[in-house]
C-alpha atoms as a PDB file:
ATOM      1  CA  GLU A   1     160.943 149.582 -68.927  1.00  0.00           C
ATOM      2  CA  SER A   2     163.680 151.148 -71.041  1.00  0.00           C
ATOM      3  CA  GLY A   3     166.543 148.887 -69.923  1.00  0.00           C
ATOM      4  CA  GLY A   4     168.712 151.835 -68.957  1.00  0.00           C
ATOM      5  CA  GLY A   5     169.175 155.535 -69.315  1.00  0.00           C
ATOM      6  CA  LEU A   6     170.957 157.851 -71.709  1.00  0.00           C
ATOM      7  CA  LEU A   7     174.488 157.024 -70.527  1.00  0.00           C
ATOM      8  CA  ILE A   8     174.355 153.229 -70.665  1.00  0.00           C
ATOM      9  CA  ASN A   9     172.085 152.869 -73.702  1.00  0.00           C
ATOM     10  CA  GLN A  10     173.011 155.661 -76.099  1.00  0.00           C
ATOM     11  CA  ALA A  11     176.000 157.627 -74.807  1.00  0.00           C
ATOM     12  CA  ILE A  12     178.356 154.759 -73.983  1.00  0.00           C
ATOM     13  CA  HIS A  13     179.742 154.892 -77.521  1.00  0.00           C
ATOM     14  CA  THR A  14     180.491 158.610 -77.256  1.00  0.00           C
ATOM     15  CA  ILE A  15     182.165 157.961 -73.898  1.00  0.00           C
ATOM     16  CA  ASP A  16     184.188 155.246 -75.660  1.00  0.00           C
ATOM     17  CA  TYR A  17     185.435 157.895 -78.092  1.00  0.00           C
ATOM     18  CA  LEU A  18     186.315 160.312 -75.291  1.00  0.00           C
ATOM     19  CA  GLN A  19     188.165 157.652 -73.304  1.00  0.00           C
ATOM     20  CA  ASP A  20     190.067 156.522 -76.402  1.00  0.00           C
ATOM     21  CA  ILE A  21     191.200 160.100 -77.044  1.00  0.00           C
ATOM     22  CA  GLY A  22     191.878 161.166 -73.462  1.00  0.00           C
ATOM     23  CA  GLY A  23     193.108 158.017 -71.734  1.00  0.00           C
ATOM     24  CA  GLU A  24     192.938 157.529 -67.975  1.00  0.00           C
ATOM     25  CA  ILE A  25     190.404 159.672 -66.097  1.00  0.00           C
ATOM     26  CA  LYS A  26     191.620 162.069 -63.387  1.00  0.00           C
ATOM     27  CA  SER A  27     188.236 163.524 -62.378  1.00  0.00           C
ATOM     28  CA  ILE A  28     184.570 163.647 -63.350  1.00  0.00           C
ATOM     29  CA  SER A  29     182.165 166.481 -62.590  1.00  0.00           C
ATOM     30  CA  GLY A  30     178.721 167.464 -63.759  1.00  0.00           C
ATOM     31  CA  GLY A  31     175.473 165.634 -63.406  1.00  0.00           C
ATOM     32  CA  ILE A  32     172.618 163.653 -64.822  1.00  0.00           C
ATOM     33  CA  SER A  33     168.948 164.507 -64.646  1.00  0.00           C
ATOM     34  CA  LYS A  34     165.416 163.624 -65.633  1.00  0.00           C
ATOM     35  CA  LEU A  35     164.062 166.496 -67.700  1.00  0.00           C
ATOM     36  CA  LYS A  36     161.179 164.774 -69.506  1.00  0.00           C
ATOM     37  CA  ASN A  37     160.706 161.259 -68.127  1.00  0.00           C
ATOM     38  CA  VAL A  38     160.438 162.276 -64.464  1.00  0.00           C
ATOM     39  CA  ASP A  39     158.502 159.150 -63.450  1.00  0.00           C
ATOM     40  CA  LEU A  40     161.296 156.790 -64.550  1.00  0.00           C
ATOM     41  CA  ASP A  41     164.296 155.846 -62.387  1.00  0.00           C
ATOM     42  CA  ILE A  42     166.763 156.631 -65.183  1.00  0.00           C
ATOM     43  CA  GLU A  43     168.381 159.752 -66.556  1.00  0.00           C
ATOM     44  CA  ASP A  44     167.399 161.254 -69.877  1.00  0.00           C
ATOM     45  CA  THR A  45     169.941 164.109 -69.864  1.00  0.00           C
ATOM     46  CA  ALA A  46     173.591 164.500 -68.897  1.00  0.00           C
ATOM     47  CA  ALA A  47     176.236 167.224 -68.790  1.00  0.00           C
ATOM     48  CA  ILE A  48     179.625 165.833 -67.781  1.00  0.00           C
ATOM     49  CA  LYS A  49     183.153 167.234 -67.674  1.00  0.00           C
ATOM     50  CA  LEU A  50     186.005 164.722 -67.784  1.00  0.00           C
ATOM     51  CA  GLU A  51     189.568 165.616 -66.901  1.00  0.00           C
ATOM     52  CA  PHE A  52     192.236 163.161 -68.009  1.00  0.00           C
ATOM     53  CA  ASN A  53     195.630 162.442 -66.414  1.00  0.00           C
ATOM     54  CA  ASN A  54     197.406 163.818 -69.506  1.00  0.00           C
ATOM     55  CA  GLY A  55     195.785 167.253 -69.116  1.00  0.00           C
ATOM     56  CA  ILE A  56     193.113 166.827 -71.788  1.00  0.00           C
ATOM     57  CA  GLU A  57     189.639 168.045 -70.828  1.00  0.00           C
ATOM     58  CA  ALA A  58     186.385 166.858 -72.391  1.00  0.00           C
ATOM     59  CA  PHE A  59     182.813 168.031 -72.090  1.00  0.00           C
ATOM     60  CA  PHE A  60     179.942 165.685 -72.881  1.00  0.00           C
ATOM     61  CA  SER A  61     176.284 166.643 -73.133  1.00  0.00           C
ATOM     62  CA  GLY A  62     173.441 164.481 -74.284  1.00  0.00           C
ATOM     63  CA  THR A  63     169.692 164.146 -74.022  1.00  0.00           C
ATOM     64  CA  LEU A  64     166.860 161.824 -74.960  1.00  0.00           C
ATOM     65  CA  CYS A  65     164.489 164.807 -75.053  1.00  0.00           C
ATOM     66  CA  ASN A  66     165.091 165.641 -78.717  1.00  0.00           C
ATOM     67  CA  PHE A  67     162.075 165.637 -81.001  1.00  0.00           C
ATOM     68  CA  SER A  68     163.868 163.496 -83.568  1.00  0.00           C
ATOM     69  CA  ASN A  69     166.929 161.259 -83.820  1.00  0.00           C
ATOM     70  CA  THR A  70     170.117 163.221 -84.273  1.00  0.00           C
ATOM     71  CA  SER A  71     173.588 161.875 -84.824  1.00  0.00           C
ATOM     72  CA  ILE A  72     176.352 162.431 -82.335  1.00  0.00           C
ATOM     73  CA  SER A  73     178.887 165.121 -82.941  1.00  0.00           C
ATOM     74  CA  LEU A  74     182.330 164.783 -81.445  1.00  0.00           C
ATOM     75  CA  LYS A  75     184.739 167.678 -81.833  1.00  0.00           C
ATOM     76  CA  VAL A  76     188.435 167.621 -80.923  1.00  0.00           C
ATOM     77  CA  TYR A  77     190.205 170.966 -80.797  1.00  0.00           C
ATOM     78  CA  CYS A  78     193.899 170.962 -81.746  1.00  0.00           C
ATOM     79  CA  GLN A  79     196.445 173.696 -82.166  1.00  0.00           C
ATOM     80  CA  GLY A  80     196.165 173.931 -85.957  1.00  0.00           C
ATOM     81  CA  GLY A  81     192.437 173.204 -86.388  1.00  0.00           C
ATOM     82  CA  ASN A  82     189.778 170.807 -85.191  1.00  0.00           C
ATOM     83  CA  TYR A  83     188.422 167.377 -86.078  1.00  0.00           C
ATOM     84  CA  THR A  84     184.715 166.563 -86.011  1.00  0.00           C
ATOM     85  CA  ILE A  85     182.914 163.226 -86.246  1.00  0.00           C
ATOM     86  CA  ARG A  86     179.389 163.891 -87.478  1.00  0.00           C
ATOM     87  CA  ASP A  87     176.895 161.912 -89.538  1.00  0.00           C
ATOM     88  CA  GLY A  88     179.318 159.017 -90.019  1.00  0.00           C
ATOM     89  CA  GLN A  89     182.104 161.226 -91.369  1.00  0.00           C
ATOM     90  CA  LEU A  90     185.394 162.600 -90.037  1.00  0.00           C
ATOM     91  CA  PHE A  91     185.987 166.246 -90.913  1.00  0.00           C
ATOM     92  CA  LEU A  92     189.058 168.444 -90.552  1.00  0.00           C
ATOM     93  CA  ASN A  93     188.418 172.162 -90.175  1.00  0.00           C
ATOM     94  CA  ARG A  94     191.456 174.374 -90.648  1.00  0.00           C
ATOM     95  CA  ASN A  95     191.240 178.147 -91.038  1.00  0.00           C
ATOM     96  CA  GLY A  96     187.480 177.957 -91.674  1.00  0.00           C
ATOM     97  CA  GLU A  97     187.815 175.337 -94.435  1.00  0.00           C
ATOM     98  CA  GLU A  98     186.243 171.949 -93.768  1.00  0.00           C
ATOM     99  CA  LYS A  99     187.206 168.795 -95.635  1.00  0.00           C
ATOM    100  CA  ILE A 100     186.061 165.194 -95.257  1.00  0.00           C
ATOM    101  CA  LEU A 101     188.888 162.871 -94.208  1.00  0.00           C
ATOM    102  CA  GLU A 102     186.945 159.625 -93.887  1.00  0.00           C
ATOM    103  CA  LYS A 103     183.436 158.217 -94.353  1.00  0.00           C
ATOM    104  CA  ASP A 104     181.867 155.402 -92.324  1.00  0.00           C
ATOM    105  CA  GLU A 105     180.643 152.789 -94.786  1.00  0.00           C
ATOM    106  CA  LYS A 106     177.783 151.440 -92.697  1.00  0.00           C
ATOM    107  CA  GLY A 107     175.922 149.217 -95.086  1.00  0.00           C
ATOM    108  CA  GLU A 108     172.319 148.318 -94.273  1.00  0.00           C
ATOM    109  CA  ILE A 109     172.183 149.367 -90.619  1.00  0.00           C
ATOM    110  CA  LYS A 110     170.692 152.310 -88.725  1.00  0.00           C
ATOM    111  CA  ASP A 111     172.751 155.473 -89.246  1.00  0.00           C
ATOM    112  CA  TYR A 112     173.241 156.215 -85.558  1.00  0.00           C
ATOM    113  CA  TYR A 113     174.676 152.717 -84.904  1.00  0.00           C
ATOM    114  CA  GLY A 114     177.761 153.237 -87.047  1.00  0.00           C
ATOM    115  CA  ALA A 115     179.742 150.422 -88.630  1.00  0.00           C
ATOM    116  CA  SER A 116     181.291 149.131 -85.389  1.00  0.00           C
ATOM    117  CA  HIS A 117     178.068 147.463 -84.140  1.00  0.00           C
ATOM    118  CA  GLU A 118     178.013 145.184 -87.143  1.00  0.00           C
ATOM    119  CA  ILE A 119     181.740 144.420 -86.797  1.00  0.00           C
ATOM    120  CA  GLU A 120     181.484 143.744 -83.043  1.00  0.00           C
ATOM    121  CA  ILE A 121     178.446 141.457 -83.379  1.00  0.00           C
ATOM    122  CA  LYS A 122     180.109 139.464 -86.177  1.00  0.00           C
ATOM    123  CA  SER A 123     183.326 139.260 -84.130  1.00  0.00           C
ATOM    124  CA  PHE A 124     181.406 137.944 -81.120  1.00  0.00           C
ATOM    125  CA  TYR A 125     179.672 135.180 -83.063  1.00  0.00           C
ATOM    126  CA  ASP A 126     182.885 134.281 -84.919  1.00  0.00           C
ATOM    127  CA  SER A 127     184.709 133.941 -81.591  1.00  0.00           C
ATOM    128  CA  LEU A 128     182.241 131.414 -80.154  1.00  0.00           C
ATOM    129  CA  GLY A 129     183.956 128.032 -80.272  1.00  0.00           C
ATOM    130  CA  ASN A 130     186.690 129.301 -82.608  1.00  0.00           C
ATOM    131  CA  ASN A 131     189.019 130.893 -80.035  1.00  0.00           C
ATOM    132  CA  GLU A 132     189.167 134.004 -82.223  1.00  0.00           C
ATOM    133  CA  LYS A 133     190.021 137.331 -80.605  1.00  0.00           C
ATOM    134  CA  LEU A 134     187.124 139.742 -80.094  1.00  0.00           C
ATOM    135  CA  TYR A 135     187.081 143.012 -82.044  1.00  0.00           C
ATOM    136  CA  LEU A 136     186.974 144.886 -78.728  1.00  0.00           C
ATOM    137  CA  SER A 137     188.451 143.224 -75.651  1.00  0.00           C
ATOM    138  CA  LEU A 138     186.609 142.952 -72.362  1.00  0.00           C
ATOM    139  CA  SER A 139     189.210 145.140 -70.610  1.00  0.00           C
ATOM    140  CA  GLU A 140     188.690 147.907 -73.214  1.00  0.00           C
ATOM    141  CA  SER A 141     184.908 147.608 -72.894  1.00  0.00           C
ATOM    142  CA  LEU A 142     185.082 147.932 -69.125  1.00  0.00           C
ATOM    143  CA  LYS A 143     186.841 151.320 -69.275  1.00  0.00           C
ATOM    144  CA  SER A 144     183.777 153.171 -70.569  1.00  0.00           C
ATOM    145  CA  LEU A 145     181.475 151.179 -68.320  1.00  0.00           C
ATOM    146  CA  LYS A 146     183.566 152.287 -65.314  1.00  0.00           C
ATOM    147  CA  ILE A 147     183.221 155.943 -66.317  1.00  0.00           C
ATOM    148  CA  ILE A 148     179.435 155.552 -66.474  1.00  0.00           C
ATOM    149  CA  THR A 149     179.358 153.649 -63.177  1.00  0.00           C
ATOM    150  CA  ASP A 150     181.397 156.428 -61.547  1.00  0.00           C
ATOM    151  CA  ILE A 151     178.897 159.011 -62.822  1.00  0.00           C
ATOM    152  CA  TYR A 152     175.947 156.967 -61.482  1.00  0.00           C
ATOM    153  CA  GLU A 153     177.668 156.468 -58.108  1.00  0.00           C
ATOM    154  CA  ARG A 154     177.978 160.239 -57.665  1.00  0.00           C
ATOM    155  CA  GLY A 155     174.251 160.214 -56.974  1.00  0.00           C
ATOM    156  CA  ASP A 156     173.563 163.456 -58.851  1.00  0.00           C
ATOM    157  CA  LEU A 157     170.366 162.203 -60.503  1.00  0.00           C
ATOM    158  CA  LYS A 158     167.734 164.910 -60.107  1.00  0.00           C
END
């Protein structure tokens, strides 16, 4: 009825971010579950740890059980501070001071979609019959899909 669960419908974009930052996956642990929609065959909650070949570790958690839409928050910890993507903005926090580095100029689309949906859809239609290169290649798209498929194949849905 829903077309897919949390990972494939909502979280794939966050997993795109993590894969872009971390690179090739070394291992995946954690699990997916049905906390609210127990009668459906899909997950509504996930807690996943990704370890990358370069030593970077990432932790992802997400749920469809919120009472209202909330934007994603992605935080990257670095030696001299941390970067956060939240509410369509990129922040740098150094020594307790936060400053905005970049804003996502979304236009007239839903806030949680971000600007890339509009760019990708336009790129797809422009490429039909014009031999133009897609905004995001198929090989890049398949990387995040493989991560999600690997999580599903673990069989940890409870």
